[in-house]
């Protein structure tokens, strides 16, 4: 999908992939890209693995974020909007899980949301996340991780108790310290990031980053065709065995089209007509002068 920018304004290209992988019986990941009054909304949600209702929880997360955010006017403060949508989605998931005889008593979900906006200060992304679904930025060929996982392993990393390599093999890699649908009050981390021409934003579930190295993600996400880049990322995850569901949302900033310089005068054809007309008048004037002399 692509947007056609108006003169002087950048626009975005979008691509997405969502696959259950080769081992899971159902896809507990959900994705969303839609344009609303606040801007371009992208989401990835990953139902908590091993809990009944994970697919339901991730779907509810996407649906309730969208419903809340789509109802707001374009000038509503983005950070407030994301926090309020988080509270709404969390409350709905909790209420559904606590219904009488619900089969989804312990359902929950991660979420990473991006709201892309353009204003007088330029193009930027508001990124919010809970859990271990991530946001990355590819700029000038380099991959930058924009989010920090809410997980047991990330806590160990933050305290320098394990190395990055040890983290990849740690038995608690899937243990989350924060998710939607578990507690009545949940905090979402939100940051604003400026975006420039050529920047690529990637949202993904752990089905991608847990199995594909950051070097491989960097190379694939920076591909010249965004749809092909998303497909390549999915195929890299599947090539490792496809042990988990895989969700990918991507957006790339494209520069505005060049505006042709304003015409400095009359069209060429009209210029020739005027020139011939003036030449004819000048010739008649010279002829009349000689007639009068004789």
Foldseek 3Di string as FASTA:
>chain_A
DWDADDPPAWTKDKAKDWFFFDPDPDGLKDWDWDAAQQAIKIKIKGKQPPAPCSNVLNVLLVVQLCVQLRPDHNPDDPVVSNQVSLLRSLVVLQVQLPPPPRSRVPIWMKMWMWGWDQDPVGIKIKIKIWAPWFKWKADPLDIDTDDQGQFPLSVCVVVPVDDPVCQLVPPRVSGGNTTRHHDSDGDMDIDMGHDDAFMKMKTKDCLQPSQDPPNQLSVLCSDPDNNRSNVSSVVSSNVSPRPGIIIMIMMGIHGHDDDDDDDPDDDPVVVVVVVVVVVVVVVVVVVVVVVVVD
